[in-house]
Amino acid sequence: MSDGFYEQVAIWSQVVGAVAFLAVLVFLWIRFLAPAVAASQVRKNAELSDAERRRDGAKEHVAEAERELTRATGEAGSISTRAEGDAQRLRERILAEAKAECERLLRNAEGELGRGRSAARETLREELLTKALEIARESAGGMNDDINARLVARVVESLERGAA
């Protein structure tokens, strides 16, 4: 056997080894790697789908929150407007009550003042009458009945003029 034959066997053994290696490689690829790649792809697709679903859910939550915020802002505005109206009505009512109370107190004070003046006038009149009678009694010691009658008439007349 010649060297050529061995060379041919060496070349063909390398070719057969390479083909066997490639066959084993293809077998391993089909048997183990392809299903792993497919499973990984399915898993990644599921993760992407789940992430998209969560993103869509989050977008819905954001939209709902924005609607709630808009509604709450509107409610806050209406509450503020209502509170301002209530405060204005309350202010007006308090002012009206205070004015009515002031007028009532003023009328009461005027009535008290009038009663006080009347009482003072009556007291003054009584004191003046008492003083006048004392003076008249002191002076009457030397008077006759005619002078006494004229004096009493003048006093009564002055009292009547003061009362009118």
C-alpha atoms as a PDB file:
ATOM      1  CA  MET A   1       0.000   0.000   0.000  1.00  0.00           C
ATOM      2  CA  SER A   2       1.300   3.098  -0.984  1.00  0.00           C
ATOM      3  CA  ASP A   3       1.593   6.376   0.631  1.00  0.00           C
ATOM      4  CA  GLY A   4      -1.125   7.734  -1.657  1.00  0.00           C
ATOM      5  CA  PHE A   5      -3.587   5.298  -0.255  1.00  0.00           C
ATOM      6  CA  TYR A   6      -2.853   6.401   3.261  1.00  0.00           C
ATOM      7  CA  GLU A   7      -3.090   9.956   2.206  1.00  0.00           C
ATOM      8  CA  GLN A   8      -6.477   9.227   0.636  1.00  0.00           C
ATOM      9  CA  VAL A   9      -7.626   7.411   3.774  1.00  0.00           C
ATOM     10  CA  ALA A  10      -6.399  10.340   5.889  1.00  0.00           C
ATOM     11  CA  ILE A  11      -8.275  12.846   3.701  1.00  0.00           C
ATOM     12  CA  TRP A  12     -11.431  10.719   3.625  1.00  0.00           C
ATOM     13  CA  SER A  13     -11.219  10.098   7.333  1.00  0.00           C
ATOM     14  CA  GLN A  14     -11.022  13.831   7.857  1.00  0.00           C
ATOM     15  CA  VAL A  15     -14.015  14.296   5.537  1.00  0.00           C
ATOM     16  CA  VAL A  16     -15.969  11.539   7.289  1.00  0.00           C
ATOM     17  CA  GLY A  17     -14.943  12.972  10.699  1.00  0.00           C
ATOM     18  CA  ALA A  18     -16.034  16.426   9.600  1.00  0.00           C
ATOM     19  CA  VAL A  19     -19.350  15.060   8.253  1.00  0.00           C
ATOM     20  CA  ALA A  20     -19.833  13.033  11.444  1.00  0.00           C
ATOM     21  CA  PHE A  21     -18.977  16.097  13.473  1.00  0.00           C
ATOM     22  CA  LEU A  22     -21.433  18.156  11.453  1.00  0.00           C
ATOM     23  CA  ALA A  23     -24.100  15.434  11.772  1.00  0.00           C
ATOM     24  CA  VAL A  24     -23.610  15.305  15.549  1.00  0.00           C
ATOM     25  CA  LEU A  25     -23.624  19.084  15.613  1.00  0.00           C
ATOM     26  CA  VAL A  26     -26.885  19.241  13.597  1.00  0.00           C
ATOM     27  CA  PHE A  27     -28.381  16.465  15.751  1.00  0.00           C
ATOM     28  CA  LEU A  28     -27.451  18.342  18.949  1.00  0.00           C
ATOM     29  CA  TRP A  29     -28.767  21.595  17.459  1.00  0.00           C
ATOM     30  CA  ILE A  30     -32.097  20.019  16.526  1.00  0.00           C
ATOM     31  CA  ARG A  31     -32.358  17.950  19.689  1.00  0.00           C
ATOM     32  CA  PHE A  32     -31.271  20.474  22.347  1.00  0.00           C
ATOM     33  CA  LEU A  33     -30.500  23.974  21.121  1.00  0.00           C
ATOM     34  CA  ALA A  34     -33.440  24.580  18.768  1.00  0.00           C
ATOM     35  CA  PRO A  35     -36.063  23.722  21.447  1.00  0.00           C
ATOM     36  CA  ALA A  36     -34.163  25.835  23.987  1.00  0.00           C
ATOM     37  CA  VAL A  37     -34.050  28.760  21.537  1.00  0.00           C
ATOM     38  CA  ALA A  38     -37.745  28.270  20.726  1.00  0.00           C
ATOM     39  CA  ALA A  39     -38.640  28.078  24.444  1.00  0.00           C
ATOM     40  CA  SER A  40     -36.568  31.170  25.104  1.00  0.00           C
ATOM     41  CA  GLN A  41     -38.309  32.953  22.234  1.00  0.00           C
ATOM     42  CA  VAL A  42     -41.730  31.913  23.561  1.00  0.00           C
ATOM     43  CA  ARG A  43     -40.720  33.059  27.051  1.00  0.00           C
ATOM     44  CA  LYS A  44     -39.448  36.406  25.756  1.00  0.00           C
ATOM     45  CA  ASN A  45     -42.610  36.858  23.666  1.00  0.00           C
ATOM     46  CA  ALA A  46     -44.702  36.114  26.770  1.00  0.00           C
ATOM     47  CA  GLU A  47     -42.637  38.609  28.771  1.00  0.00           C
ATOM     48  CA  LEU A  48     -43.100  41.226  26.031  1.00  0.00           C
ATOM     49  CA  SER A  49     -46.821  40.515  25.903  1.00  0.00           C
ATOM     50  CA  ASP A  50     -47.065  40.779  29.685  1.00  0.00           C
ATOM     51  CA  ALA A  51     -45.069  44.023  29.663  1.00  0.00           C
ATOM     52  CA  GLU A  52     -47.356  45.448  26.948  1.00  0.00           C
ATOM     53  CA  ARG A  53     -50.419  44.395  28.950  1.00  0.00           C
ATOM     54  CA  ARG A  54     -49.006  46.048  32.082  1.00  0.00           C
ATOM     55  CA  ARG A  55     -48.124  49.171  30.041  1.00  0.00           C
ATOM     56  CA  ASP A  56     -51.679  49.306  28.662  1.00  0.00           C
ATOM     57  CA  GLY A  57     -53.044  48.814  32.188  1.00  0.00           C
ATOM     58  CA  ALA A  58     -50.796  51.586  33.464  1.00  0.00           C
ATOM     59  CA  LYS A  59     -51.980  53.846  30.622  1.00  0.00           C
ATOM     60  CA  GLU A  60     -55.583  53.121  31.623  1.00  0.00           C
ATOM     61  CA  HIS A  61     -54.751  53.886  35.257  1.00  0.00           C
ATOM     62  CA  VAL A  62     -53.092  57.147  34.211  1.00  0.00           C
ATOM     63  CA  ALA A  63     -56.109  58.084  32.086  1.00  0.00           C
ATOM     64  CA  GLU A  64     -58.454  57.196  34.966  1.00  0.00           C
ATOM     65  CA  ALA A  65     -56.316  59.217  37.379  1.00  0.00           C
ATOM     66  CA  GLU A  66     -56.386  62.190  35.011  1.00  0.00           C
ATOM     67  CA  ARG A  67     -60.194  61.918  34.768  1.00  0.00           C
ATOM     68  CA  GLU A  68     -60.426  61.723  38.571  1.00  0.00           C
ATOM     69  CA  LEU A  69     -58.105  64.722  38.871  1.00  0.00           C
ATOM     70  CA  THR A  70     -60.228  66.706  36.420  1.00  0.00           C
ATOM     71  CA  ARG A  71     -63.396  65.733  38.290  1.00  0.00           C
ATOM     72  CA  ALA A  72     -61.819  66.536  41.669  1.00  0.00           C
ATOM     73  CA  THR A  73     -60.606  69.898  40.352  1.00  0.00           C
ATOM     74  CA  GLY A  74     -64.118  70.674  39.154  1.00  0.00           C
ATOM     75  CA  GLU A  75     -65.589  69.622  42.490  1.00  0.00           C
ATOM     76  CA  ALA A  76     -63.018  71.718  44.349  1.00  0.00           C
ATOM     77  CA  GLY A  77     -63.961  74.715  42.219  1.00  0.00           C
ATOM     78  CA  SER A  78     -67.662  74.221  42.871  1.00  0.00           C
ATOM     79  CA  ILE A  79     -67.029  73.707  46.591  1.00  0.00           C
ATOM     80  CA  SER A  80     -64.953  76.884  46.651  1.00  0.00           C
ATOM     81  CA  THR A  81     -67.680  78.817  44.824  1.00  0.00           C
ATOM     82  CA  ARG A  82     -70.344  77.419  47.151  1.00  0.00           C
ATOM     83  CA  ALA A  83     -68.213  78.259  50.202  1.00  0.00           C
ATOM     84  CA  GLU A  84     -67.710  81.825  48.972  1.00  0.00           C
ATOM     85  CA  GLY A  85     -71.468  82.196  48.452  1.00  0.00           C
ATOM     86  CA  ASP A  86     -72.184  80.721  51.876  1.00  0.00           C
ATOM     87  CA  ALA A  87     -69.607  83.020  53.468  1.00  0.00           C
ATOM     88  CA  GLN A  88     -71.132  86.059  51.744  1.00  0.00           C
ATOM     89  CA  ARG A  89     -74.655  85.094  52.865  1.00  0.00           C
ATOM     90  CA  LEU A  90     -73.397  84.426  56.397  1.00  0.00           C
ATOM     91  CA  ARG A  91     -71.594  87.771  56.446  1.00  0.00           C
ATOM     92  CA  GLU A  92     -74.740  89.563  55.275  1.00  0.00           C
ATOM     93  CA  ARG A  93     -76.875  87.744  57.854  1.00  0.00           C
ATOM     94  CA  ILE A  94     -74.437  88.542  60.674  1.00  0.00           C
ATOM     95  CA  LEU A  95     -74.305  92.191  59.599  1.00  0.00           C
ATOM     96  CA  ALA A  96     -78.116  92.365  59.436  1.00  0.00           C
ATOM     97  CA  GLU A  97     -78.417  90.760  62.885  1.00  0.00           C
ATOM     98  CA  ALA A  98     -75.791  93.129  64.293  1.00  0.00           C
ATOM     99  CA  LYS A  99     -77.566  96.131  62.750  1.00  0.00           C
ATOM    100  CA  ALA A 100     -80.918  94.985  64.156  1.00  0.00           C
ATOM    101  CA  GLU A 101     -79.335  94.435  67.584  1.00  0.00           C
ATOM    102  CA  CYS A 102     -77.713  97.879  67.403  1.00  0.00           C
ATOM    103  CA  GLU A 103     -81.047  99.510  66.536  1.00  0.00           C
ATOM    104  CA  ARG A 104     -82.781  97.613  69.336  1.00  0.00           C
ATOM    105  CA  LEU A 105     -80.113  98.676  71.838  1.00  0.00           C
ATOM    106  CA  LEU A 106     -80.351 102.253  70.579  1.00  0.00           C
ATOM    107  CA  ARG A 107     -84.155 102.256  71.007  1.00  0.00           C
ATOM    108  CA  ASN A 108     -83.770 100.777  74.494  1.00  0.00           C
ATOM    109  CA  ALA A 109     -81.156 103.394  75.385  1.00  0.00           C
ATOM    110  CA  GLU A 110     -83.379 106.191  74.058  1.00  0.00           C
ATOM    111  CA  GLY A 111     -86.282 104.825  76.108  1.00  0.00           C
ATOM    112  CA  GLU A 112     -84.070 104.624  79.203  1.00  0.00           C
ATOM    113  CA  LEU A 113     -82.845 108.151  78.535  1.00  0.00           C
ATOM    114  CA  GLY A 114     -86.429 109.411  78.228  1.00  0.00           C
ATOM    115  CA  ARG A 115     -87.446 107.629  81.430  1.00  0.00           C
ATOM    116  CA  GLY A 116     -84.342 108.965  83.171  1.00  0.00           C
ATOM    117  CA  ARG A 117     -85.148 112.516  82.020  1.00  0.00           C
ATOM    118  CA  SER A 118     -88.740 112.160  83.183  1.00  0.00           C
ATOM    119  CA  ALA A 119     -87.609 110.799  86.538  1.00  0.00           C
ATOM    120  CA  ALA A 120     -85.018 113.580  86.885  1.00  0.00           C
ATOM    121  CA  ARG A 121     -87.593 116.198  85.883  1.00  0.00           C
ATOM    122  CA  GLU A 122     -90.058 114.799  88.429  1.00  0.00           C
ATOM    123  CA  THR A 123     -87.409 114.686  91.133  1.00  0.00           C
ATOM    124  CA  LEU A 124     -86.335 118.238  90.333  1.00  0.00           C
ATOM    125  CA  ARG A 125     -89.955 119.387  90.376  1.00  0.00           C
ATOM    126  CA  GLU A 126     -90.498 117.730  93.772  1.00  0.00           C
ATOM    127  CA  GLU A 127     -87.307 119.275  95.152  1.00  0.00           C
ATOM    128  CA  LEU A 128     -88.253 122.696  93.800  1.00  0.00           C
ATOM    129  CA  LEU A 129     -91.757 122.377  95.224  1.00  0.00           C
ATOM    130  CA  THR A 130     -90.367 121.293  98.572  1.00  0.00           C
ATOM    131  CA  LYS A 131     -87.891 124.206  98.579  1.00  0.00           C
ATOM    132  CA  ALA A 132     -90.586 126.618  97.502  1.00  0.00           C
ATOM    133  CA  LEU A 133     -92.881 125.381 100.243  1.00  0.00           C
ATOM    134  CA  GLU A 134     -90.111 125.745 102.826  1.00  0.00           C
ATOM    135  CA  ILE A 135     -89.392 129.285 101.648  1.00  0.00           C
ATOM    136  CA  ALA A 136     -93.106 130.010 101.567  1.00  0.00           C
ATOM    137  CA  ARG A 137     -93.592 128.660 105.075  1.00  0.00           C
ATOM    138  CA  GLU A 138     -90.724 130.735 106.377  1.00  0.00           C
ATOM    139  CA  SER A 139     -92.094 133.809 104.628  1.00  0.00           C
ATOM    140  CA  ALA A 140     -95.676 132.938 105.512  1.00  0.00           C
ATOM    141  CA  GLY A 141     -95.043 133.440 109.146  1.00  0.00           C
ATOM    142  CA  GLY A 142     -95.757 137.143 108.663  1.00  0.00           C
ATOM    143  CA  MET A 143     -98.351 136.862 105.836  1.00  0.00           C
ATOM    144  CA  ASN A 144    -102.051 137.062 105.865  1.00  0.00           C
ATOM    145  CA  ASP A 145    -104.540 134.760 104.143  1.00  0.00           C
ATOM    146  CA  ASP A 146    -104.923 136.946 101.025  1.00  0.00           C
ATOM    147  CA  ILE A 147    -101.193 136.982 100.254  1.00  0.00           C
ATOM    148  CA  ASN A 148    -100.994 133.277 100.999  1.00  0.00           C
ATOM    149  CA  ALA A 149    -103.817 132.486  98.523  1.00  0.00           C
ATOM    150  CA  ARG A 150    -102.153 134.582  95.760  1.00  0.00           C
ATOM    151  CA  LEU A 151     -98.806 132.885  96.360  1.00  0.00           C
ATOM    152  CA  VAL A 152    -100.315 129.368  96.207  1.00  0.00           C
ATOM    153  CA  ALA A 153    -102.164 130.304  93.001  1.00  0.00           C
ATOM    154  CA  ARG A 154     -98.927 131.516  91.354  1.00  0.00           C
ATOM    155  CA  VAL A 155     -97.056 128.347  92.326  1.00  0.00           C
ATOM    156  CA  VAL A 156     -99.854 126.115  90.995  1.00  0.00           C
ATOM    157  CA  GLU A 157     -99.972 128.205  87.788  1.00  0.00           C
ATOM    158  CA  SER A 158     -96.176 127.911  87.285  1.00  0.00           C
ATOM    159  CA  LEU A 159     -96.356 124.160  87.865  1.00  0.00           C
ATOM    160  CA  GLU A 160     -99.105 123.813  85.304  1.00  0.00           C
ATOM    161  CA  ARG A 161     -97.083 125.779  82.747  1.00  0.00           C
ATOM    162  CA  GLY A 162     -94.031 123.594  83.425  1.00  0.00           C
ATOM    163  CA  ALA A 163     -96.081 120.393  82.989  1.00  0.00           C
ATOM    164  CA  ALA A 164     -97.531 121.547  79.677  1.00  0.00           C
END
